[in-house]
């Protein structure tokens, strides 16, 4: 993100986005988690 001009980059803690989903078992095998990204691009 920084390479494309964004600053003040923040990344959230991992979130279990597959809880109770059909693919939950496979997601656990591959340690799949979601993350939120927050940044701003100066004008």
C-alpha atoms as a PDB file:
ATOM      1  CA  UNK A   1       0.000   0.000   0.000  1.00  0.00           C
ATOM      2  CA  UNK A   2       2.824   2.371   0.821  1.00  0.00           C
ATOM      3  CA  UNK A   3       4.304   1.761  -2.619  1.00  0.00           C
ATOM      4  CA  UNK A   4       1.139   3.180  -4.175  1.00  0.00           C
ATOM      5  CA  UNK A   5       1.138   6.357  -2.081  1.00  0.00           C
ATOM      6  CA  UNK A   6      -0.957   5.433   0.949  1.00  0.00           C
ATOM      7  CA  UNK A   7       0.105   6.635   4.401  1.00  0.00           C
ATOM      8  CA  UNK A   8      -1.001   5.978   8.001  1.00  0.00           C
ATOM      9  CA  UNK A   9      -1.495   2.316   7.136  1.00  0.00           C
ATOM     10  CA  UNK A  10      -3.146   0.180   9.804  1.00  0.00           C
ATOM     11  CA  UNK A  11      -3.833  -3.550   9.690  1.00  0.00           C
ATOM     12  CA  UNK A  12      -6.296  -5.170  12.078  1.00  0.00           C
ATOM     13  CA  UNK A  13      -5.771  -8.250  14.150  1.00  0.00           C
ATOM     14  CA  UNK A  14      -6.757 -11.497  12.399  1.00  0.00           C
ATOM     15  CA  UNK A  15     -10.495 -12.184  12.293  1.00  0.00           C
ATOM     16  CA  UNK A  16     -12.076 -15.629  11.991  1.00  0.00           C
ATOM     17  CA  UNK A  17     -14.207 -15.024   8.894  1.00  0.00           C
ATOM     18  CA  UNK A  18     -15.045 -18.703   8.321  1.00  0.00           C
ATOM     19  CA  UNK A  19     -16.635 -19.521  11.689  1.00  0.00           C
ATOM     20  CA  UNK A  20     -19.639 -21.800  11.107  1.00  0.00           C
ATOM     21  CA  UNK A  21     -19.205 -21.640   7.317  1.00  0.00           C
ATOM     22  CA  UNK A  22     -19.154 -24.693   5.041  1.00  0.00           C
ATOM     23  CA  UNK A  23     -15.428 -24.279   4.386  1.00  0.00           C
ATOM     24  CA  UNK A  24     -14.468 -23.809   8.025  1.00  0.00           C
ATOM     25  CA  UNK A  25     -12.510 -27.094   8.297  1.00  0.00           C
ATOM     26  CA  UNK A  26     -10.387 -26.305   5.254  1.00  0.00           C
ATOM     27  CA  UNK A  27      -9.863 -22.735   6.412  1.00  0.00           C
ATOM     28  CA  UNK A  28      -8.539 -24.084   9.723  1.00  0.00           C
ATOM     29  CA  UNK A  29      -6.121 -26.425   7.909  1.00  0.00           C
ATOM     30  CA  UNK A  30      -4.608 -23.514   5.990  1.00  0.00           C
ATOM     31  CA  UNK A  31      -4.915 -20.947   8.806  1.00  0.00           C
ATOM     32  CA  UNK A  32      -7.073 -18.585   6.723  1.00  0.00           C
ATOM     33  CA  UNK A  33      -8.087 -15.361   8.465  1.00  0.00           C
ATOM     34  CA  UNK A  34      -9.421 -11.998   7.353  1.00  0.00           C
ATOM     35  CA  UNK A  35      -7.790  -8.646   8.020  1.00  0.00           C
ATOM     36  CA  UNK A  36      -9.095  -5.100   7.694  1.00  0.00           C
ATOM     37  CA  UNK A  37      -6.888  -2.435   6.169  1.00  0.00           C
ATOM     38  CA  UNK A  38      -7.188   1.278   6.854  1.00  0.00           C
ATOM     39  CA  UNK A  39      -5.075   3.918   5.134  1.00  0.00           C
ATOM     40  CA  UNK A  40      -5.334   7.311   3.537  1.00  0.00           C
ATOM     41  CA  UNK A  41      -3.929   8.739   0.357  1.00  0.00           C
ATOM     42  CA  UNK A  42      -2.828  12.362   0.694  1.00  0.00           C
ATOM     43  CA  UNK A  43      -4.428  14.733  -1.776  1.00  0.00           C
END
